[in-house]
Protein backbone atom coordinates (compact mmCIF):
# COMPACT_ATOMS: atom_id res chain seq x y z
CA MET A 1 3.72 17.38 -36.15
CA TRP A 2 0.62 15.99 -35.18
CA LEU A 3 0.58 13.24 -37.78
CA VAL A 4 4.05 11.86 -36.27
CA VAL A 5 2.51 11.83 -32.76
CA LEU A 6 -0.61 9.97 -34.02
CA PHE A 7 1.26 7.81 -36.23
CA SER A 8 3.66 6.74 -33.32
CA LEU A 9 0.99 6.07 -30.85
CA LEU A 10 -0.73 3.98 -33.46
CA ILE A 11 2.48 2.03 -34.23
CA GLY A 12 2.78 1.39 -30.27
CA LEU A 13 -0.57 0.21 -29.93
CA VAL A 14 -0.48 -2.26 -32.67
CA ILE A 15 2.92 -3.62 -31.02
CA GLY A 16 1.43 -3.49 -27.82
CA LEU A 17 -1.49 -5.70 -28.98
CA LYS A 18 0.27 -7.88 -31.00
CA MET A 19 3.00 -8.71 -28.38
CA PRO A 20 0.93 -9.76 -25.18
CA PHE A 21 3.01 -9.35 -21.93
CA LEU A 22 1.65 -11.28 -19.03
CA ILE A 23 2.55 -9.58 -15.41
CA PRO A 24 2.16 -12.23 -12.70
CA LEU A 25 -0.90 -11.71 -9.87
CA LEU A 26 2.14 -10.87 -7.39
CA TYR A 27 3.07 -7.59 -9.24
CA ALA A 28 -0.32 -6.39 -10.33
CA LYS A 29 -0.80 -3.85 -7.42
CA TYR A 30 2.76 -2.48 -7.98
CA MET A 31 2.36 -2.34 -11.64
CA SER A 32 -0.90 -0.59 -11.33
CA ILE A 33 0.53 2.05 -9.18
CA ALA A 34 3.00 2.57 -11.31
CA VAL A 35 1.17 3.37 -14.02
CA LEU A 36 -1.06 5.65 -12.05
CA ALA A 37 2.03 7.41 -10.74
CA ALA A 38 3.38 7.74 -14.83
CA LEU A 39 0.02 8.80 -15.52
CA ASP A 40 -0.14 11.41 -12.74
CA SER A 41 3.34 12.65 -13.95
CA VAL A 42 2.26 12.90 -17.63
CA PHE A 43 -0.66 14.79 -16.95
CA GLY A 44 1.02 17.39 -14.57
CA GLY A 45 3.83 18.07 -17.38
CA ILE A 46 0.84 18.61 -19.82
CA ARG A 47 -0.38 21.08 -17.56
CA GLY A 48 2.77 22.53 -16.80
CA TYR A 49 3.23 23.29 -20.82
CA MET A 50 0.00 24.78 -21.12
CA GLU A 51 0.64 26.92 -18.06
CA ASP A 52 4.25 27.89 -19.25
CA GLY A 53 5.80 26.34 -16.27
CA PHE A 54 7.33 23.41 -17.57
CA ASP A 55 10.71 21.74 -16.46
CA ASN A 56 12.42 18.72 -17.77
CA ILE A 57 14.12 18.30 -14.35
CA VAL A 58 11.24 18.57 -12.32
CA PHE A 59 9.02 16.46 -14.72
CA ILE A 60 11.88 13.34 -14.66
CA SER A 61 12.38 13.59 -10.97
CA GLY A 62 8.42 13.83 -10.04
CA PHE A 63 7.81 10.98 -12.70
CA ILE A 64 10.59 8.60 -10.66
CA VAL A 65 9.86 9.86 -7.12
CA ASN A 66 6.37 9.35 -7.40
CA THR A 67 6.40 5.55 -8.93
CA LEU A 68 9.08 4.69 -6.25
CA LEU A 69 6.90 6.11 -3.53
CA ALA A 70 4.15 4.53 -4.78
CA ALA A 71 5.57 1.23 -4.83
CA GLY A 72 7.29 1.79 -1.70
CA LEU A 73 3.88 2.42 -0.23
CA ALA A 74 2.47 -0.78 -1.83
CA TYR A 75 5.43 -2.80 -0.58
CA LEU A 76 5.45 -1.78 3.08
CA GLY A 77 1.40 -2.41 2.97
CA ASP A 78 2.26 -5.81 1.96
CA ARG A 79 4.99 -6.20 4.57
CA LEU A 80 2.38 -4.71 7.16
CA GLY A 81 -0.84 -6.56 6.12
CA VAL A 82 -2.76 -3.51 5.26
CA GLU A 83 -3.95 -2.51 1.83
CA LEU A 84 -1.77 0.96 1.88
CA TYR A 85 -1.76 0.69 -1.77
CA MET A 86 -5.34 2.30 -1.72
CA ALA A 87 -4.13 5.39 -0.45
CA ALA A 88 -1.85 5.67 -3.51
CA VAL A 89 -4.63 5.09 -5.77
CA VAL A 90 -6.47 7.55 -4.15
CA VAL A 91 -4.22 10.37 -4.48
CA PHE A 92 -3.25 9.65 -7.89
CA GLY A 93 -6.40 9.22 -8.96
CA VAL A 94 -7.76 12.64 -7.53
CA ARG A 95 -4.56 14.52 -8.97
CA ILE A 96 -4.88 12.96 -12.63
CA PHE A 97 -8.62 14.23 -12.16
CA GLN A 98 -7.57 17.42 -11.00
CA ASN A 99 -4.90 17.91 -13.77
CA LEU A 100 -7.28 16.83 -16.96
CA GLY A 101 -9.79 19.28 -15.06
CA ILE A 102 -7.40 22.19 -15.49
CA ILE A 103 -6.25 21.04 -18.84
CA ARG A 104 -9.78 20.83 -19.94
CA ARG A 105 -10.63 24.51 -19.05
CA TYR A 106 -7.53 25.61 -20.42
CA LEU A 107 -8.27 24.17 -23.65
CA LEU A 108 -12.02 25.66 -23.60
CA LYS A 109 -10.78 29.17 -22.86
CA LYS A 110 -8.40 28.91 -25.62
CA TYR A 111 -10.32 27.27 -28.20
């Protein structure tokens, strides 16, 4: 099972590096926030799975809602002339590190 996951990850990395996709500078803020929101949801899903509390509907809805909310904050901030996207960066960054810390502690106890 892990071999399939690692092989798929390797194939994805090779394809991603061979097919460069440039994002216009205008959308760079939105894309960075979308990536942070996605990472937050993924690490939250991994944490939920390890704690036997994973729910697919909660994961997918959180993924979509977090991404849209973060992009909405960035857009609203651009319209108001305020760097509101930084609030999303800080919040998602803190949550990612909290989830990683909990996952790390869980793995250390298990192994």
